[in-house]
Amino acid sequence: MLKRKISFINFTVIVCGLIIAAGTICLLLMQKNLIKEDTKYLAYTELAQEVKRAKKNIGFDENENPYIKSDFYNLEEKDTYNENVYVFLQSRDGSFLDGRMPDDSRTGLDIGLQSLTKVTFQGERYYVATRRGKMKNGTEDDSFYLVCAMISEQAVKENYRGLWHQSYLVIGVVGAFFILFALLLRYLIAVPMRQLNESIKKSGENLDFTDSLEYKGCFKELQMLTDANNHLYQRVQQELERQEEFNANVSHELRTPIAVMHAQCQVSREVAEKKQDKEAIKSIEVFERQTNRMKNLVDQLLQMTAIDRKGTTFSMEDIDVRDVIESACDDIAYIDTKQITFEYSFQPTIIHANMNLIYIVINNLLSNAVKYSNEGTKIYVSCGEKDGKSYIRIQDEGCGIEKENISKIFESFYREEKDRNAEGFGLGLSQAMKIAELYGGGIYVESTKNKGSIFTFFIPKP
């Protein structure tokens, strides 16, 4: 099974291109072989015609030596190839007798009686045809001469130059058509598919399925795919809305009984303290602690529901990040039992956001750092601006995070196996990331096992 996927459009174009290229090569090879055979036939036909015409125009001088009459060179009787054909006479032993040879040479050819042969003369290839001619007072069997006609191979091939040009023109036209076809295929299929993919990916990342996909092309299959995704969008959006409504309703419904239980815990504690009932006080503390955990969980669920709900607006103001960090650190230090020391490195940093949401992010990141730090260690907190972004960096000296788990820590309710018994519900980092994304930012994590972690919260400057 292939691990690397390729585009179906690219695959189709490549396969079609290879088929066309292979077909073109085969056609050119076939044409070359056909022209090669046809060249011989054309040369034979032309030379045989010239030899036949020459034999009709043979005369003999006073020494009974044959010569070609001047009527043979009457240009009006010649066809288009005759100017490239050399006709001459030579004796049986190869001596030149009369006629015309390339470069006005008077050297005979070492050839026998051949219907058609190919020779090299003065570095060039020629087709040569010969016929016997009878001497004036002899017979063709015992006293004859040779009537020869020759034409250069290149001159014969010139007749096919136009055919080759036409072939190249056809190949060019086919190639141009194929390129246009590939571009059209890309425009009609690849571009809409990429747009659909980007829309689906964006909706999945934002968990926003309210906008329907739209396809304006002419292909039924792509329209079916779009309709199927829109139907899926509707179902997913309905489930998300149902889940948000459920979370909101349950959280609101739980607030009242939790508040009642919390108030009852305080009353019970006062009664137990008056009676100095240590066992009752201990039990009430456990009950009160669990009630506070439930209250915090409900508050976090309500906050996350508000952040997830599309269209929810939050008040915005200019915030001095240093003040928010110091306030959050003071709150953490007040309830800290590990004797954690905070060290600060601040640069002037002003952001435009909702004060409560930014406090939630900082508080969640600090709480997470304290939770996984060892007693008596330090937490380094810094803020500043860089590359058009405002950042808050929190570094601890805790146990660190496994590399394969870093991408999972922002999932709701996720906790590493070793942290199952730690306090919390695994919602803090998820909530912090959602707030960061609400402002177009994010949280970057660096962690080394048993050495600590660095969480960097950043948002773009307005």
Protein backbone atom coordinates (compact mmCIF):
# COMPACT_ATOMS: atom_id res chain seq x y z
CA MET A 1 0.00 0.00 0.00
CA LEU A 2 1.38 3.39 -1.00
CA LYS A 3 2.19 5.64 1.95
CA ARG A 4 2.47 8.79 -0.15
CA LYS A 5 -0.70 9.80 -1.92
CA ILE A 6 -0.77 11.66 -5.22
CA SER A 7 -3.44 13.80 -6.79
CA PHE A 8 -5.87 11.88 -9.01
CA ILE A 9 -5.78 14.80 -11.47
CA ASN A 10 -1.97 14.73 -11.59
CA PHE A 11 -2.05 10.96 -11.99
CA THR A 12 -4.53 11.23 -14.88
CA VAL A 13 -2.49 13.94 -16.59
CA ILE A 14 0.76 12.00 -16.18
CA VAL A 15 -0.74 8.75 -17.49
CA CYS A 16 -2.37 10.52 -20.45
CA GLY A 17 0.89 12.33 -21.15
CA LEU A 18 2.85 9.07 -21.10
CA ILE A 19 0.31 7.42 -23.40
CA ILE A 20 0.45 10.32 -25.86
CA ALA A 21 4.27 10.40 -25.70
CA ALA A 22 4.51 6.64 -26.27
CA GLY A 23 2.01 6.84 -29.13
CA THR A 24 3.89 9.74 -30.70
CA ILE A 25 7.21 7.89 -30.50
CA CYS A 26 5.66 4.77 -32.04
CA LEU A 27 4.10 6.78 -34.86
CA LEU A 28 7.38 8.57 -35.58
CA LEU A 29 9.27 5.26 -35.67
CA MET A 30 6.65 3.74 -37.97
CA GLN A 31 6.75 6.81 -40.18
CA LYS A 32 10.54 6.67 -40.28
CA ASN A 33 10.51 3.01 -41.39
CA LEU A 34 7.79 3.65 -43.94
CA ILE A 35 9.67 6.62 -45.36
CA LYS A 36 12.84 4.55 -45.51
CA GLU A 37 11.12 1.91 -47.62
CA ASP A 38 9.24 4.47 -49.66
CA THR A 39 12.50 6.34 -50.34
CA LYS A 40 13.94 3.26 -52.05
CA TYR A 41 10.82 2.80 -54.10
CA LEU A 42 10.70 6.45 -55.11
CA ALA A 43 14.39 6.44 -56.04
CA TYR A 44 13.96 3.28 -58.10
CA THR A 45 10.93 4.66 -59.92
CA GLU A 46 12.64 7.94 -60.75
CA LEU A 47 15.93 6.40 -61.80
CA ALA A 48 14.28 3.68 -63.88
CA GLN A 49 12.29 6.35 -65.70
CA GLU A 50 15.42 8.38 -66.42
CA VAL A 51 17.36 5.34 -67.61
CA LYS A 52 14.51 4.36 -69.91
CA ARG A 53 14.32 7.88 -71.32
CA ALA A 54 18.09 8.01 -71.71
CA LYS A 55 18.16 4.77 -73.71
CA LYS A 56 15.79 6.39 -76.18
CA ASN A 57 18.22 9.25 -76.63
CA ILE A 58 21.45 7.32 -77.25
CA GLY A 59 23.56 8.13 -80.30
CA PHE A 60 26.93 6.91 -81.58
CA ASP A 61 29.82 9.01 -82.80
CA GLU A 62 32.07 8.23 -85.71
CA ASN A 63 34.08 5.89 -83.49
CA GLU A 64 30.89 4.06 -82.61
CA ASN A 65 31.11 5.27 -79.00
CA PRO A 66 27.72 5.89 -77.42
CA TYR A 67 26.68 9.33 -76.20
CA ILE A 68 23.54 10.98 -74.91
CA LYS A 69 21.78 13.21 -77.40
CA SER A 70 21.06 16.82 -76.55
CA ASP A 71 17.31 16.18 -76.77
CA PHE A 72 17.60 14.31 -73.48
CA TYR A 73 18.42 17.55 -71.67
CA ASN A 74 15.29 19.31 -72.84
CA LEU A 75 14.08 20.65 -69.45
CA GLU A 76 10.49 20.97 -70.58
CA GLU A 77 10.18 17.21 -70.68
CA LYS A 78 11.61 16.67 -67.22
CA ASP A 79 9.68 16.30 -64.00
CA THR A 80 10.62 17.80 -60.65
CA TYR A 81 13.29 15.24 -59.81
CA ASN A 82 15.26 15.31 -63.07
CA GLU A 83 17.47 18.22 -62.08
CA ASN A 84 18.78 16.10 -59.20
CA VAL A 85 19.33 13.00 -61.32
CA TYR A 86 22.69 12.41 -62.93
CA VAL A 87 22.58 10.24 -66.07
CA PHE A 88 25.79 8.96 -67.65
CA LEU A 89 27.21 6.14 -69.72
CA GLN A 90 30.14 3.96 -68.80
CA SER A 91 31.82 0.96 -70.36
CA ARG A 92 31.80 -2.57 -69.08
CA ASP A 93 35.13 -1.98 -67.35
CA GLY A 94 33.83 1.13 -65.55
CA SER A 95 35.28 3.84 -67.78
CA PHE A 96 33.24 7.03 -68.10
CA LEU A 97 31.85 7.51 -71.62
CA ASP A 98 29.39 10.40 -71.58
CA GLY A 99 26.76 12.19 -69.50
CA ARG A 100 26.67 14.15 -66.27
CA MET A 101 28.03 13.22 -62.84
CA PRO A 102 28.15 15.11 -59.53
CA ASP A 103 30.67 17.99 -59.56
CA ASP A 104 31.25 17.31 -63.28
CA SER A 105 33.39 14.33 -62.37
CA ARG A 106 34.37 11.99 -65.19
CA THR A 107 35.22 9.03 -62.99
CA GLY A 108 33.20 5.93 -63.55
CA LEU A 109 31.65 3.87 -60.77
CA ASP A 110 32.69 0.41 -59.79
CA ILE A 111 29.26 -1.12 -60.14
CA GLY A 112 27.81 -3.98 -62.02
CA LEU A 113 24.45 -4.37 -63.57
CA GLN A 114 22.09 -3.46 -60.70
CA SER A 115 18.43 -2.58 -60.76
CA LEU A 116 19.05 -0.38 -57.71
CA THR A 117 22.01 -0.09 -55.40
CA LYS A 118 23.43 2.42 -52.98
CA VAL A 119 27.00 3.72 -53.32
CA THR A 120 29.16 6.35 -51.68
CA PHE A 121 30.57 8.90 -54.11
CA GLN A 122 32.71 11.81 -52.93
CA GLY A 123 31.54 11.30 -49.35
CA GLU A 124 27.82 11.33 -50.16
CA ARG A 125 25.34 8.49 -50.45
CA TYR A 126 23.65 7.92 -53.80
CA TYR A 127 21.06 5.57 -55.25
CA VAL A 128 22.22 4.14 -58.59
CA ALA A 129 20.24 2.23 -61.23
CA THR A 130 21.87 0.66 -64.31
CA ARG A 131 20.70 -0.90 -67.56
CA ARG A 132 22.64 -2.49 -70.39
CA GLY A 133 22.82 -0.77 -73.71
CA LYS A 134 23.74 -2.52 -76.98
CA MET A 135 26.75 -1.23 -78.92
CA LYS A 136 26.08 -0.12 -82.46
CA ASN A 137 27.45 -3.25 -84.09
CA GLY A 138 27.11 -5.73 -81.27
CA THR A 139 24.65 -7.46 -79.00
CA GLU A 140 23.79 -6.82 -75.37
CA ASP A 141 25.31 -10.17 -74.47
CA ASP A 142 28.81 -9.70 -75.83
CA SER A 143 29.18 -5.99 -76.56
CA PHE A 144 27.34 -3.57 -74.30
CA TYR A 145 27.73 -0.48 -72.20
CA LEU A 146 25.92 0.63 -69.05
CA VAL A 147 23.30 3.36 -68.89
CA CYS A 148 23.49 4.70 -65.32
CA ALA A 149 21.32 7.09 -63.38
CA MET A 150 22.12 8.28 -59.85
CA ILE A 151 20.47 10.55 -57.36
CA SER A 152 21.61 11.55 -53.88
CA GLU A 153 19.82 9.99 -50.94
CA GLN A 154 19.38 13.45 -49.45
CA ALA A 155 17.65 14.72 -52.59
CA VAL A 156 15.11 11.90 -52.37
CA LYS A 157 14.51 12.57 -48.69
CA GLU A 158 13.86 16.24 -49.45
CA ASN A 159 10.53 15.11 -50.85
CA TYR A 160 9.52 14.04 -47.32
CA ARG A 161 10.62 17.20 -45.55
CA GLY A 162 7.11 18.59 -45.79
CA LEU A 163 5.75 15.36 -44.32
CA TRP A 164 8.13 15.61 -41.37
CA HIS A 165 7.15 19.23 -40.85
CA GLN A 166 3.51 18.24 -40.89
CA SER A 167 4.21 15.50 -38.37
CA TYR A 168 5.97 17.91 -36.03
CA LEU A 169 3.13 20.37 -36.47
CA VAL A 170 0.59 17.69 -35.57
CA ILE A 171 2.67 16.71 -32.52
CA GLY A 172 2.83 20.35 -31.47
CA VAL A 173 -0.92 20.78 -31.89
CA VAL A 174 -1.60 17.58 -29.93
CA GLY A 175 0.82 18.70 -27.21
CA ALA A 176 -0.81 22.13 -26.99
CA PHE A 177 -4.25 20.52 -26.88
CA PHE A 178 -3.09 18.19 -24.10
CA ILE A 179 -1.71 21.12 -22.08
CA LEU A 180 -5.00 22.99 -22.50
CA PHE A 181 -6.86 19.82 -21.54
CA ALA A 182 -4.74 19.42 -18.39
CA LEU A 183 -5.28 23.06 -17.42
CA LEU A 184 -9.01 22.74 -18.08
CA LEU A 185 -9.16 19.52 -16.05
CA ARG A 186 -7.33 21.23 -13.22
CA TYR A 187 -9.65 24.23 -13.36
CA LEU A 188 -12.83 22.15 -13.48
CA ILE A 189 -11.89 19.45 -10.96
CA ALA A 190 -8.68 20.11 -9.03
CA VAL A 191 -9.45 23.72 -8.07
CA PRO A 192 -13.01 23.00 -6.80
CA MET A 193 -11.74 19.91 -4.95
CA ARG A 194 -9.02 21.97 -3.28
CA GLN A 195 -11.54 24.64 -2.31
CA LEU A 196 -13.87 22.01 -0.86
CA ASN A 197 -10.99 20.43 1.03
CA GLU A 198 -9.88 23.79 2.46
CA SER A 199 -13.44 24.61 3.52
CA ILE A 200 -13.87 21.22 5.20
CA LYS A 201 -10.49 21.49 6.91
CA LYS A 202 -11.25 25.01 8.14
CA SER A 203 -14.65 23.95 9.47
CA GLY A 204 -13.09 20.99 11.26
CA GLU A 205 -10.39 23.12 12.87
CA ASN A 206 -12.87 25.76 14.04
CA LEU A 207 -15.66 23.29 14.84
CA ASP A 208 -17.95 25.62 12.89
CA PHE A 209 -20.26 23.80 10.52
CA THR A 210 -22.86 26.53 10.03
CA ASP A 211 -21.64 27.57 6.58
CA SER A 212 -22.66 25.19 3.80
CA LEU A 213 -20.25 24.15 1.08
CA GLU A 214 -20.98 25.40 -2.41
CA TYR A 215 -20.03 23.92 -5.78
CA LYS A 216 -20.77 25.83 -8.98
CA GLY A 217 -19.19 23.43 -11.45
CA CYS A 218 -20.76 21.10 -13.99
CA PHE A 219 -19.74 17.69 -12.65
CA LYS A 220 -22.48 15.67 -11.00
CA GLU A 221 -20.06 13.64 -8.86
CA LEU A 222 -18.57 16.74 -7.23
CA GLN A 223 -22.06 18.09 -6.58
CA MET A 224 -22.99 14.79 -4.92
CA LEU A 225 -19.85 15.01 -2.76
CA THR A 226 -20.72 18.60 -1.80
CA ASP A 227 -24.30 17.68 -0.91
CA ALA A 228 -23.13 14.72 1.19
CA ASN A 229 -20.73 16.95 3.12
CA ASN A 230 -23.42 19.58 3.66
CA HIS A 231 -25.73 16.90 5.05
CA LEU A 232 -22.93 15.76 7.36
CA TYR A 233 -22.32 19.39 8.34
CA GLN A 234 -25.94 19.77 9.39
CA ARG A 235 -25.85 16.62 11.52
CA VAL A 236 -22.56 17.57 13.17
CA GLN A 237 -23.73 21.12 13.83
CA GLN A 238 -26.94 19.83 15.38
CA GLU A 239 -24.95 17.52 17.65
CA LEU A 240 -22.58 20.32 18.65
CA GLU A 241 -25.47 22.63 19.45
CA ARG A 242 -27.17 19.86 21.41
CA GLN A 243 -23.96 19.24 23.32
CA GLU A 244 -23.48 22.94 24.09
CA GLU A 245 -27.08 23.23 25.21
CA PHE A 246 -26.70 20.15 27.38
CA ASN A 247 -23.51 21.48 28.99
CA ALA A 248 -25.09 24.85 29.65
CA ASN A 249 -28.30 23.39 31.06
CA VAL A 250 -26.57 20.83 33.24
CA SER A 251 -24.07 23.39 34.51
CA HIS A 252 -26.81 25.85 35.40
CA GLU A 253 -28.91 23.16 37.03
CA LEU A 254 -25.96 21.94 39.09
CA ARG A 255 -25.04 25.38 40.38
CA THR A 256 -28.00 25.62 42.76
CA PRO A 257 -27.57 22.24 44.52
CA ILE A 258 -23.82 22.77 44.71
CA ALA A 259 -24.34 26.19 46.30
CA VAL A 260 -26.77 24.63 48.79
CA MET A 261 -24.28 21.85 49.62
CA HIS A 262 -21.50 24.40 50.05
CA ALA A 263 -23.62 26.52 52.40
CA GLN A 264 -24.63 23.42 54.36
CA CYS A 265 -20.96 22.48 54.70
CA GLN A 266 -20.20 25.84 56.28
CA VAL A 267 -23.12 25.49 58.71
CA SER A 268 -22.09 21.94 59.59
CA ARG A 269 -18.49 23.05 60.11
CA GLU A 270 -19.59 25.76 62.55
CA VAL A 271 -21.70 23.24 64.51
CA ALA A 272 -18.88 20.70 64.58
CA GLU A 273 -16.35 23.31 65.70
CA LYS A 274 -18.63 24.35 68.57
CA LYS A 275 -18.92 20.71 69.65
CA GLN A 276 -15.19 20.21 68.97
CA ASP A 277 -16.03 17.06 67.05
CA LYS A 278 -12.75 16.42 65.20
CA GLU A 279 -14.04 13.42 63.26
CA ALA A 280 -17.02 15.42 62.01
CA ILE A 281 -14.79 18.37 61.10
CA LYS A 282 -12.49 16.06 59.12
CA SER A 283 -15.40 14.52 57.22
CA ILE A 284 -16.89 17.95 56.55
CA GLU A 285 -13.53 19.19 55.14
CA VAL A 286 -13.45 16.28 52.69
CA PHE A 287 -17.04 16.95 51.66
CA GLU A 288 -16.34 20.69 51.37
CA ARG A 289 -13.22 20.08 49.26
CA GLN A 290 -15.11 17.85 46.84
CA THR A 291 -17.95 20.39 46.69
CA ASN A 292 -15.45 23.09 45.69
CA ARG A 293 -14.06 20.80 42.99
CA MET A 294 -17.55 20.28 41.60
CA LYS A 295 -18.16 24.04 41.68
CA ASN A 296 -14.90 24.71 39.81
CA LEU A 297 -15.76 22.05 37.23
CA VAL A 298 -19.19 23.57 36.60
CA ASP A 299 -17.66 27.06 36.28
CA GLN A 300 -15.09 25.79 33.76
CA LEU A 301 -17.75 24.02 31.70
CA LEU A 302 -19.84 27.20 31.57
CA GLN A 303 -16.82 29.27 30.54
CA MET A 304 -15.84 26.80 27.80
CA THR A 305 -19.42 26.70 26.54
CA ALA A 306 -19.43 30.49 26.30
CA ILE A 307 -16.13 30.47 24.41
CA ASP A 308 -17.30 27.76 22.00
CA ARG A 309 -20.64 29.41 21.31
CA LYS A 310 -20.52 31.23 17.98
CA GLY A 311 -21.53 34.87 18.14
CA THR A 312 -20.66 35.32 21.81
CA THR A 313 -18.92 38.67 22.30
CA PHE A 314 -16.65 39.66 25.17
CA SER A 315 -15.85 43.16 26.36
CA MET A 316 -12.42 44.36 25.26
CA GLU A 317 -9.99 46.72 26.96
CA ASP A 318 -6.30 47.58 27.01
CA ILE A 319 -4.62 45.36 29.59
CA ASP A 320 -1.20 45.70 31.19
CA VAL A 321 -0.14 42.06 31.20
CA ARG A 322 2.29 42.59 34.07
CA ASP A 323 -0.53 43.52 36.46
CA VAL A 324 -2.57 40.45 35.50
CA ILE A 325 0.43 38.13 35.97
CA GLU A 326 1.26 39.56 39.39
CA SER A 327 -2.37 39.27 40.49
CA ALA A 328 -2.59 35.63 39.33
CA CYS A 329 0.73 34.77 41.00
CA ASP A 330 -0.43 36.31 44.26
CA ASP A 331 -3.62 34.24 44.14
CA ILE A 332 -1.66 31.06 43.43
CA ALA A 333 0.89 31.79 46.16
CA TYR A 334 -1.88 32.32 48.70
CA ILE A 335 -3.09 28.72 48.37
CA ASP A 336 0.27 27.15 47.45
CA THR A 337 1.60 24.53 49.87
CA LYS A 338 4.79 23.60 47.97
CA GLN A 339 6.76 26.75 48.82
CA ILE A 340 7.13 27.63 45.14
CA THR A 341 9.14 30.78 44.32
CA PHE A 342 8.12 32.98 41.39
CA GLU A 343 10.78 34.88 39.44
CA TYR A 344 9.72 37.61 37.02
CA SER A 345 11.19 39.08 33.84
CA PHE A 346 8.78 41.67 32.49
CA GLN A 347 8.82 43.95 29.47
CA PRO A 348 6.10 46.58 28.96
CA THR A 349 3.28 44.57 27.34
CA ILE A 350 -0.17 45.96 26.54
CA ILE A 351 -2.81 43.78 24.85
CA HIS A 352 -6.39 44.49 23.79
CA ALA A 353 -8.55 41.67 25.12
CA ASN A 354 -11.04 40.63 27.79
CA MET A 355 -9.52 40.90 31.26
CA ASN A 356 -11.28 37.84 32.70
CA LEU A 357 -10.31 35.59 29.78
CA ILE A 358 -6.65 36.60 29.96
CA TYR A 359 -6.68 36.01 33.71
CA ILE A 360 -8.13 32.52 33.13
CA VAL A 361 -5.30 31.68 30.70
CA ILE A 362 -2.56 32.89 33.04
CA ASN A 363 -4.15 31.29 36.10
CA ASN A 364 -4.59 27.94 34.32
CA LEU A 365 -0.98 27.92 33.07
CA LEU A 366 0.36 28.90 36.50
CA SER A 367 -1.83 26.32 38.27
CA ASN A 368 -0.60 23.66 35.87
CA ALA A 369 3.04 24.66 36.50
CA VAL A 370 2.57 24.57 40.29
CA LYS A 371 0.71 21.26 40.18
CA TYR A 372 3.59 19.45 38.45
CA SER A 373 6.49 21.24 40.19
CA ASN A 374 8.45 19.77 43.05
CA GLU A 375 8.49 21.40 46.46
CA GLY A 376 10.84 24.35 46.88
CA THR A 377 11.44 24.83 43.13
CA LYS A 378 11.08 27.99 41.05
CA ILE A 379 8.67 29.09 38.36
CA TYR A 380 9.95 31.69 35.89
CA VAL A 381 7.36 34.06 34.46
CA SER A 382 8.09 36.56 31.68
CA CYS A 383 6.21 38.65 29.15
CA GLY A 384 7.06 40.85 26.20
CA GLU A 385 6.54 41.55 22.52
CA LYS A 386 8.31 39.97 19.55
CA ASP A 387 7.66 39.68 15.80
CA GLY A 388 4.32 41.48 16.04
CA LYS A 389 3.06 39.24 18.85
CA SER A 390 2.58 39.66 22.58
CA TYR A 391 3.66 36.67 24.66
CA ILE A 392 3.54 35.32 28.21
CA ARG A 393 6.06 32.58 29.03
CA ILE A 394 5.84 30.30 32.09
CA GLN A 395 8.69 27.88 32.84
CA ASP A 396 8.69 25.30 35.61
CA GLU A 397 11.16 22.77 37.00
CA GLY A 398 8.67 19.94 37.18
CA CYS A 399 8.45 16.42 35.84
CA GLY A 400 8.03 17.41 32.18
CA ILE A 401 5.84 15.83 29.51
CA GLU A 402 6.46 12.86 27.25
CA LYS A 403 7.06 14.05 23.67
CA GLU A 404 4.32 11.86 22.24
CA ASN A 405 1.82 13.39 24.69
CA ILE A 406 2.52 17.08 24.04
CA SER A 407 -0.01 17.22 21.20
CA LYS A 408 -2.70 15.68 23.46
CA ILE A 409 -2.48 17.88 26.55
CA PHE A 410 -4.85 20.48 25.09
CA GLU A 411 -7.65 17.95 24.66
CA SER A 412 -10.52 18.25 27.12
CA PHE A 413 -10.22 15.86 30.12
CA TYR A 414 -6.86 14.51 28.90
CA ARG A 415 -4.33 13.62 31.57
CA GLU A 416 -1.14 11.59 31.40
CA GLU A 417 -1.31 8.17 33.01
CA LYS A 418 1.01 9.19 35.84
CA ASP A 419 -1.24 12.17 36.66
CA ARG A 420 -4.50 10.28 37.12
CA ASN A 421 -4.42 10.83 40.88
CA ALA A 422 -3.54 14.53 40.70
CA GLU A 423 -6.13 17.20 41.37
CA GLY A 424 -8.07 18.73 38.49
CA PHE A 425 -10.15 17.53 35.57
CA GLY A 426 -7.87 18.13 32.58
CA LEU A 427 -9.85 21.16 31.38
CA GLY A 428 -7.45 24.00 32.21
CA LEU A 429 -5.09 23.73 29.23
CA SER A 430 -7.95 23.03 26.83
CA GLN A 431 -9.70 26.16 28.07
CA ALA A 432 -6.49 28.22 27.78
CA MET A 433 -5.91 27.08 24.19
CA LYS A 434 -9.48 27.95 23.18
CA ILE A 435 -9.08 31.45 24.59
CA ALA A 436 -5.75 31.84 22.75
CA GLU A 437 -7.36 30.73 19.49
CA LEU A 438 -10.26 33.11 20.13
CA TYR A 439 -7.76 35.97 19.74
CA GLY A 440 -5.93 34.38 16.80
CA GLY A 441 -3.04 33.13 18.91
CA GLY A 442 -1.96 29.87 20.46
CA ILE A 443 0.14 28.13 23.10
CA TYR A 444 3.55 26.68 22.26
CA VAL A 445 5.00 23.95 24.49
CA GLU A 446 8.60 22.89 25.07
CA SER A 447 9.23 20.10 27.53
CA THR A 448 12.06 17.86 28.66
CA LYS A 449 11.30 14.80 30.72
CA ASN A 450 12.25 15.24 34.42
CA LYS A 451 13.56 18.77 33.75
CA GLY A 452 10.43 20.83 33.30
CA SER A 453 8.25 22.52 30.72
CA ILE A 454 7.90 25.92 29.07
CA PHE A 455 4.44 27.16 28.05
CA THR A 456 4.35 30.24 25.80
CA PHE A 457 0.99 31.93 25.31
CA PHE A 458 0.95 34.39 22.39
CA ILE A 459 -1.59 36.54 20.56
CA PRO A 460 -1.10 38.96 17.63
CA LYS A 461 -0.78 42.63 18.44
CA PRO A 462 -3.78 44.70 17.26
